Amino acid sequence: MVRYKPARADRKRKSPSGLREAIPCLVLLISGMALFFLLLYAVLRGS
């Protein structure tokens, strides 16, 4: 018969590194928005 061991409770928990994973996404989003606004500005200035 197989015995199941409970999950170890004394294991060290890693702190959530959500911010470290979100930085490239935020940089991409902000640079995309800046390019969009520059394009919009150039189009409006040309007319």
C-alpha atoms as a PDB file:
ATOM      1  CA  MET A   1       0.000   0.000   0.000  1.00  0.00           C
ATOM      2  CA  VAL A   2       1.297   3.444  -0.914  1.00  0.00           C
ATOM      3  CA  ARG A   3       1.712   6.017   1.809  1.00  0.00           C
ATOM      4  CA  TYR A   4       1.335   9.680   0.945  1.00  0.00           C
ATOM      5  CA  LYS A   5       3.457  12.197   2.774  1.00  0.00           C
ATOM      6  CA  PRO A   6       1.951  15.629   3.488  1.00  0.00           C
ATOM      7  CA  ALA A   7       3.526  18.635   1.820  1.00  0.00           C
ATOM      8  CA  ARG A   8       6.443  20.001   3.784  1.00  0.00           C
ATOM      9  CA  ALA A   9       5.373  23.063   5.750  1.00  0.00           C
ATOM     10  CA  ASP A  10       8.895  24.065   6.803  1.00  0.00           C
ATOM     11  CA  ARG A  11       9.957  24.752   3.219  1.00  0.00           C
ATOM     12  CA  LYS A  12      11.156  28.306   2.643  1.00  0.00           C
ATOM     13  CA  ARG A  13       8.708  30.355   0.639  1.00  0.00           C
ATOM     14  CA  LYS A  14      10.011  32.487  -2.170  1.00  0.00           C
ATOM     15  CA  SER A  15       8.842  36.061  -2.148  1.00  0.00           C
ATOM     16  CA  PRO A  16       6.607  36.819  -5.104  1.00  0.00           C
ATOM     17  CA  SER A  17       8.671  38.305  -7.915  1.00  0.00           C
ATOM     18  CA  GLY A  18       5.744  39.690  -9.871  1.00  0.00           C
ATOM     19  CA  LEU A  19       7.343  43.100 -10.223  1.00  0.00           C
ATOM     20  CA  ARG A  20      10.524  41.669 -11.740  1.00  0.00           C
ATOM     21  CA  GLU A  21       8.469  39.826 -14.366  1.00  0.00           C
ATOM     22  CA  ALA A  22       6.261  42.846 -15.045  1.00  0.00           C
ATOM     23  CA  ILE A  23       9.074  45.333 -15.781  1.00  0.00           C
ATOM     24  CA  PRO A  24       9.673  44.281 -19.432  1.00  0.00           C
ATOM     25  CA  CYS A  25       5.935  44.342 -20.091  1.00  0.00           C
ATOM     26  CA  LEU A  26       5.604  47.807 -18.593  1.00  0.00           C
ATOM     27  CA  VAL A  27       8.572  49.114 -20.590  1.00  0.00           C
ATOM     28  CA  LEU A  28       7.075  47.718 -23.790  1.00  0.00           C
ATOM     29  CA  LEU A  29       3.665  49.189 -22.995  1.00  0.00           C
ATOM     30  CA  ILE A  30       5.008  52.647 -22.144  1.00  0.00           C
ATOM     31  CA  SER A  31       7.258  52.783 -25.217  1.00  0.00           C
ATOM     32  CA  GLY A  32       4.347  51.683 -27.416  1.00  0.00           C
ATOM     33  CA  MET A  33       2.138  54.411 -25.975  1.00  0.00           C
ATOM     34  CA  ALA A  34       4.879  57.004 -26.470  1.00  0.00           C
ATOM     35  CA  LEU A  35       5.333  55.976 -30.117  1.00  0.00           C
ATOM     36  CA  PHE A  36       1.581  56.127 -30.669  1.00  0.00           C
ATOM     37  CA  PHE A  37       1.340  59.628 -29.200  1.00  0.00           C
ATOM     38  CA  LEU A  38       4.323  60.810 -31.240  1.00  0.00           C
ATOM     39  CA  LEU A  39       2.711  59.455 -34.398  1.00  0.00           C
ATOM     40  CA  LEU A  40      -0.574  61.122 -33.508  1.00  0.00           C
ATOM     41  CA  TYR A  41       1.243  64.391 -32.814  1.00  0.00           C
ATOM     42  CA  ALA A  42       3.058  64.219 -36.155  1.00  0.00           C
ATOM     43  CA  VAL A  43      -0.187  63.554 -38.031  1.00  0.00           C
ATOM     44  CA  LEU A  44      -2.020  66.410 -36.309  1.00  0.00           C
ATOM     45  CA  ARG A  45       0.894  68.818 -36.770  1.00  0.00           C
ATOM     46  CA  GLY A  46       1.117  68.025 -40.489  1.00  0.00           C
ATOM     47  CA  SER A  47      -2.485  68.960 -41.203  1.00  0.00           C
END
